[in-house]
Amino acid sequence: MILDLDKAYSAALAGIPRVLDQIATVPKAKRSLAWSAAQQSYLQAAQAVGYDENDARKWASTVRCLLEIAFIARERATF
């Protein structure tokens, strides 16, 4: 199970730039849907590697927050 968790973490981290790129293409009015879709994807990934429901939700929520912070930082860096 540790290897599966390591793979899940590695995949989540490696995918952050792609997720940010995809969300950047979504019109601002629809971005909340994109953030929710990303969170749902991370929730499913966490459950697939064995997290229970509560822990999976916490993990997916944390990843979403980190993505949003990274997105804001990236937007500000491009000004």
C-alpha atoms as a PDB file:
ATOM      1  CA  MET A   1       0.000   0.000   0.000  1.00  0.00           C
ATOM      2  CA  ILE A   2       2.894   2.403   0.691  1.00  0.00           C
ATOM      3  CA  LEU A   3       4.026   2.082  -2.929  1.00  0.00           C
ATOM      4  CA  ASP A   4       0.514   2.848  -4.139  1.00  0.00           C
ATOM      5  CA  LEU A   5       0.402   5.934  -1.925  1.00  0.00           C
ATOM      6  CA  ASP A   6       3.807   7.044  -3.194  1.00  0.00           C
ATOM      7  CA  LYS A   7       2.583   6.604  -6.761  1.00  0.00           C
ATOM      8  CA  ALA A   8      -0.582   8.578  -6.011  1.00  0.00           C
ATOM      9  CA  TYR A   9       1.381  11.429  -4.425  1.00  0.00           C
ATOM     10  CA  SER A  10       3.901  11.441  -7.250  1.00  0.00           C
ATOM     11  CA  ALA A  11       1.168  11.462  -9.881  1.00  0.00           C
ATOM     12  CA  ALA A  12      -0.674  14.263  -8.096  1.00  0.00           C
ATOM     13  CA  LEU A  13       2.448  16.403  -7.897  1.00  0.00           C
ATOM     14  CA  ALA A  14       3.539  15.650 -11.447  1.00  0.00           C
ATOM     15  CA  GLY A  15       0.090  16.512 -12.762  1.00  0.00           C
ATOM     16  CA  ILE A  16      -0.173  19.928 -11.112  1.00  0.00           C
ATOM     17  CA  PRO A  17       1.243  21.916 -14.064  1.00  0.00           C
ATOM     18  CA  ARG A  18      -1.119  20.132 -16.485  1.00  0.00           C
ATOM     19  CA  VAL A  19      -4.123  20.719 -14.235  1.00  0.00           C
ATOM     20  CA  LEU A  20      -3.216  24.396 -13.909  1.00  0.00           C
ATOM     21  CA  ASP A  21      -2.829  24.678 -17.686  1.00  0.00           C
ATOM     22  CA  GLN A  22      -6.243  23.110 -18.214  1.00  0.00           C
ATOM     23  CA  ILE A  23      -7.961  25.307 -15.645  1.00  0.00           C
ATOM     24  CA  ALA A  24      -6.371  28.403 -17.185  1.00  0.00           C
ATOM     25  CA  THR A  25      -8.204  27.646 -20.448  1.00  0.00           C
ATOM     26  CA  VAL A  26     -11.585  27.630 -18.712  1.00  0.00           C
ATOM     27  CA  PRO A  27     -13.472  30.953 -18.718  1.00  0.00           C
ATOM     28  CA  LYS A  28     -13.440  32.584 -15.277  1.00  0.00           C
ATOM     29  CA  ALA A  29     -17.204  32.212 -14.951  1.00  0.00           C
ATOM     30  CA  LYS A  30     -16.859  28.417 -15.224  1.00  0.00           C
ATOM     31  CA  ARG A  31     -13.682  27.905 -13.195  1.00  0.00           C
ATOM     32  CA  SER A  32     -15.506  26.760 -10.072  1.00  0.00           C
ATOM     33  CA  LEU A  33     -16.694  23.764 -12.091  1.00  0.00           C
ATOM     34  CA  ALA A  34     -13.128  23.047 -13.197  1.00  0.00           C
ATOM     35  CA  TRP A  35     -11.877  23.241  -9.601  1.00  0.00           C
ATOM     36  CA  SER A  36     -14.636  20.863  -8.507  1.00  0.00           C
ATOM     37  CA  ALA A  37     -13.818  18.442 -11.310  1.00  0.00           C
ATOM     38  CA  ALA A  38     -10.152  18.438 -10.320  1.00  0.00           C
ATOM     39  CA  GLN A  39     -11.066  17.834  -6.693  1.00  0.00           C
ATOM     40  CA  GLN A  40     -13.359  14.959  -7.687  1.00  0.00           C
ATOM     41  CA  SER A  41     -10.557  13.408  -9.703  1.00  0.00           C
ATOM     42  CA  TYR A  42      -8.183  13.584  -6.731  1.00  0.00           C
ATOM     43  CA  LEU A  43     -10.898  12.149  -4.488  1.00  0.00           C
ATOM     44  CA  GLN A  44     -11.298   9.168  -6.792  1.00  0.00           C
ATOM     45  CA  ALA A  45      -7.535   8.667  -6.944  1.00  0.00           C
ATOM     46  CA  ALA A  46      -7.280   8.710  -3.148  1.00  0.00           C
ATOM     47  CA  GLN A  47     -10.076   6.180  -2.813  1.00  0.00           C
ATOM     48  CA  ALA A  48      -8.460   3.981  -5.456  1.00  0.00           C
ATOM     49  CA  VAL A  49      -5.318   3.631  -3.359  1.00  0.00           C
ATOM     50  CA  GLY A  50      -7.258   2.794  -0.238  1.00  0.00           C
ATOM     51  CA  TYR A  51      -8.046   5.990   1.623  1.00  0.00           C
ATOM     52  CA  ASP A  52     -11.294   5.780   3.543  1.00  0.00           C
ATOM     53  CA  GLU A  53     -13.986   8.277   2.559  1.00  0.00           C
ATOM     54  CA  ASN A  54     -13.138  10.909   5.166  1.00  0.00           C
ATOM     55  CA  ASP A  55      -9.386  10.833   4.584  1.00  0.00           C
ATOM     56  CA  ALA A  56      -9.885  10.824   0.806  1.00  0.00           C
ATOM     57  CA  ARG A  57     -12.053  13.936   1.050  1.00  0.00           C
ATOM     58  CA  LYS A  58      -9.499  15.699   3.240  1.00  0.00           C
ATOM     59  CA  TRP A  59      -6.670  14.798   0.868  1.00  0.00           C
ATOM     60  CA  ALA A  60      -8.588  15.883  -2.241  1.00  0.00           C
ATOM     61  CA  SER A  61      -9.587  19.137  -0.572  1.00  0.00           C
ATOM     62  CA  THR A  62      -6.000  19.822   0.434  1.00  0.00           C
ATOM     63  CA  VAL A  63      -4.751  19.179  -3.092  1.00  0.00           C
ATOM     64  CA  ARG A  64      -7.435  21.503  -4.463  1.00  0.00           C
ATOM     65  CA  CYS A  65      -6.323  24.261  -2.082  1.00  0.00           C
ATOM     66  CA  LEU A  66      -2.715  23.775  -3.119  1.00  0.00           C
ATOM     67  CA  LEU A  67      -3.722  23.924  -6.780  1.00  0.00           C
ATOM     68  CA  GLU A  68      -5.652  27.145  -6.231  1.00  0.00           C
ATOM     69  CA  ILE A  69      -2.694  28.719  -4.428  1.00  0.00           C
ATOM     70  CA  ALA A  70      -0.357  27.647  -7.229  1.00  0.00           C
ATOM     71  CA  PHE A  71      -2.794  29.014  -9.809  1.00  0.00           C
ATOM     72  CA  ILE A  72      -2.985  32.410  -8.100  1.00  0.00           C
ATOM     73  CA  ALA A  73       0.789  32.542  -7.723  1.00  0.00           C
ATOM     74  CA  ARG A  74       1.259  31.685 -11.379  1.00  0.00           C
ATOM     75  CA  GLU A  75      -1.240  34.342 -12.479  1.00  0.00           C
ATOM     76  CA  ARG A  76       0.486  36.990 -10.387  1.00  0.00           C
ATOM     77  CA  ALA A  77       3.906  35.983 -11.692  1.00  0.00           C
ATOM     78  CA  THR A  78       2.793  36.605 -15.274  1.00  0.00           C
ATOM     79  CA  PHE A  79       1.826  40.235 -14.685  1.00  0.00           C
END
